[in-house]
Amino acid sequence: AGWCPMCSSFEPSLMQFREAANSSGKEVEIIYVPSDRQAADVVKRTSSMNMLSVPIGEEADAMKRKYKIWAGAESLKLGMGRRSGVPALVVLDKSGDEVAFIAAESKGAKALGDWPLDDSGLW
């Protein structure tokens, strides 16, 4: 989210990671699940980082509930049962099944080291 200082400081490392992965032939597609307050902020953010986005509102909230990741500011709306705040990443395989959780909120850019970069069929 644009209002989140941890998110803004994590994004350059995430973009470098994506660039390096893509350059090495391990394509990474990032889908942004917004916690932004306005749709225009989502468009600006995803355009600047060249990524897809889940629409703001109910669809984004459903994804947050599914993966149990949302900003603390959203706890009144989404509840207290989250596994992480933002930023955080969920790595999915080609079938859409979760294969890894990247705890960027607590670990920062170091969390990208938890991304599975092996040949387990993820790529």
Protein backbone atom coordinates (compact mmCIF):
# COMPACT_ATOMS: atom_id res chain seq x y z
CA ALA A 1 0.00 0.00 0.00
CA GLY A 2 1.26 3.46 -0.83
CA TRP A 3 0.62 4.69 2.69
CA CYS A 4 2.71 1.84 4.16
CA PRO A 5 6.38 2.81 4.71
CA MET A 6 7.49 -0.84 5.01
CA CYS A 7 5.80 -1.63 1.68
CA SER A 8 7.44 1.32 -0.07
CA SER A 9 10.87 0.40 1.25
CA PHE A 10 10.42 -3.29 0.30
CA GLU A 11 9.32 -2.68 -3.29
CA PRO A 12 12.73 -1.81 -4.81
CA SER A 13 14.13 -5.12 -3.52
CA LEU A 14 11.10 -6.98 -4.85
CA MET A 15 11.51 -5.39 -8.28
CA GLN A 16 15.23 -6.28 -8.31
CA PHE A 17 14.37 -9.85 -7.34
CA ARG A 18 11.78 -10.11 -10.12
CA GLU A 19 14.24 -8.68 -12.66
CA ALA A 20 16.96 -11.12 -11.63
CA ALA A 21 14.58 -14.10 -11.68
CA ASN A 22 13.20 -13.16 -15.09
CA SER A 23 16.72 -12.59 -16.48
CA SER A 24 17.71 -16.07 -15.34
CA GLY A 25 14.73 -17.64 -17.12
CA LYS A 26 12.60 -18.13 -13.99
CA GLU A 27 9.69 -15.89 -14.85
CA VAL A 28 7.96 -14.26 -11.88
CA GLU A 29 4.53 -12.66 -12.19
CA ILE A 30 3.48 -10.49 -9.27
CA ILE A 31 -0.19 -9.85 -8.63
CA TYR A 32 -0.82 -6.95 -6.30
CA VAL A 33 -3.59 -7.35 -3.73
CA PRO A 34 -4.21 -3.75 -2.71
CA SER A 35 -4.66 -2.27 0.73
CA ASP A 36 -4.64 1.18 -0.82
CA ARG A 37 -7.52 3.48 0.02
CA GLN A 38 -8.35 4.60 -3.52
CA ALA A 39 -8.46 2.81 -6.86
CA ALA A 40 -6.38 5.57 -8.48
CA ASP A 41 -3.54 4.77 -6.04
CA VAL A 42 -3.69 1.10 -7.08
CA VAL A 43 -3.46 2.00 -10.77
CA LYS A 44 -0.53 4.34 -10.14
CA ARG A 45 1.32 1.76 -8.05
CA THR A 46 0.80 -1.23 -10.34
CA SER A 47 1.65 0.82 -13.43
CA SER A 48 4.91 2.02 -11.90
CA MET A 49 5.88 -1.56 -10.97
CA ASN A 50 4.49 -3.23 -14.11
CA MET A 51 2.30 -5.72 -12.29
CA LEU A 52 -1.23 -7.04 -12.36
CA SER A 53 -3.71 -6.23 -9.60
CA VAL A 54 -6.76 -7.72 -7.98
CA PRO A 55 -9.53 -5.08 -8.03
CA ILE A 56 -9.78 -2.99 -4.87
CA GLY A 57 -12.72 -3.83 -2.60
CA GLU A 58 -14.51 -7.16 -2.20
CA GLU A 59 -12.25 -9.12 -4.54
CA ALA A 60 -9.09 -7.91 -2.79
CA ASP A 61 -10.67 -8.57 0.62
CA ALA A 62 -11.52 -12.14 -0.43
CA MET A 63 -7.88 -12.77 -1.40
CA LYS A 64 -6.68 -11.30 1.89
CA ARG A 65 -9.02 -13.57 3.84
CA LYS A 66 -7.99 -16.62 1.79
CA TYR A 67 -4.28 -16.10 2.46
CA LYS A 68 -4.76 -14.43 5.89
CA ILE A 69 -2.71 -11.33 5.06
CA TRP A 70 -3.93 -7.78 5.59
CA ALA A 71 -2.77 -4.49 7.00
CA GLY A 72 -3.34 -3.82 10.68
CA ALA A 73 -5.53 -0.89 9.65
CA GLU A 74 -7.87 -3.41 7.99
CA SER A 75 -8.31 -5.58 11.09
CA LEU A 76 -11.58 -3.92 12.05
CA LYS A 77 -13.01 -4.95 8.67
CA LEU A 78 -11.19 -8.28 8.15
CA GLY A 79 -10.68 -9.51 11.71
CA MET A 80 -7.78 -10.55 13.87
CA GLY A 81 -7.04 -13.99 12.36
CA ARG A 82 -4.23 -12.95 10.05
CA ARG A 83 -0.85 -14.66 9.76
CA SER A 84 0.84 -11.46 8.62
CA GLY A 85 0.43 -7.84 7.87
CA VAL A 86 1.81 -6.10 4.80
CA PRO A 87 4.06 -6.36 2.95
CA ALA A 88 3.89 -10.11 2.47
CA LEU A 89 3.98 -12.46 -0.50
CA VAL A 90 2.34 -15.77 -1.21
CA VAL A 91 4.14 -17.82 -3.87
CA LEU A 92 1.76 -19.94 -5.94
CA ASP A 93 2.57 -22.74 -8.35
CA LYS A 94 1.13 -22.97 -11.86
CA SER A 95 -2.00 -24.61 -10.45
CA GLY A 96 -2.59 -21.78 -7.99
CA ASP A 97 -1.58 -23.78 -4.92
CA GLU A 98 0.49 -22.06 -2.25
CA VAL A 99 4.09 -23.25 -2.12
CA ALA A 100 5.68 -20.56 0.04
CA PHE A 101 4.92 -17.63 2.28
CA ILE A 102 7.34 -14.70 2.19
CA ALA A 103 7.16 -12.80 5.49
CA ALA A 104 8.36 -9.42 4.26
CA GLU A 105 6.61 -7.53 7.06
CA SER A 106 8.82 -9.12 9.70
CA LYS A 107 11.96 -9.90 7.63
CA GLY A 108 12.09 -7.13 5.03
CA ALA A 109 14.08 -7.75 1.85
CA LYS A 110 15.84 -10.73 3.49
CA ALA A 111 12.52 -12.58 3.21
CA LEU A 112 13.06 -12.90 -0.55
CA GLY A 113 15.67 -15.54 0.30
CA ASP A 114 12.75 -17.77 1.31
CA TRP A 115 11.40 -17.79 -2.26
CA PRO A 116 11.69 -21.33 -3.65
CA LEU A 117 13.98 -21.07 -6.66
CA ASP A 118 14.53 -24.75 -7.27
CA ASP A 119 13.33 -26.94 -10.12
CA SER A 120 10.40 -28.43 -8.20
CA GLY A 121 7.96 -27.68 -10.99
CA LEU A 122 7.19 -24.21 -9.68
CA TRP A 123 8.70 -22.71 -12.81
